[in-house]
């Protein structure tokens, strides 16, 4: 099973940018589709972005489309989330997740499809 560790969270002002990284160990991400989710206090964990095993397909929640970009570097075994034009509503704990997909280039928004999760990194956007 792959282990995931997120980093890059922090405090930023409205309109600012952050880049989250998710480092994988234990297995190569070449066989995994990846996703980013977030959970704000008192709310359910929600999907925000996904990328296929080969990096060729991406999907975004409407709330972040055009502001966030997910990318995958199989050689470095990392996944990143570039977040621009941040808003206070983006404040949450952010989690990366991995889905075993050795023969698929699909993405998925369903939490239950992901078998491995990181511990999360906190993002706070001040107004």
Foldseek 3Di string as FASTA:
>chain_A
DKAKAKDWADEAAAQAKIKMKIAIDDDFLLQKKKFKWWDAPPGDIFTAKIFFSVRPDMDGDPVQPPFKDWGADRVRRMIMIIGGRDDQVPWTWMKMFIAGHRPDRDIDGDPVRTDYMYPTDTHGYHD
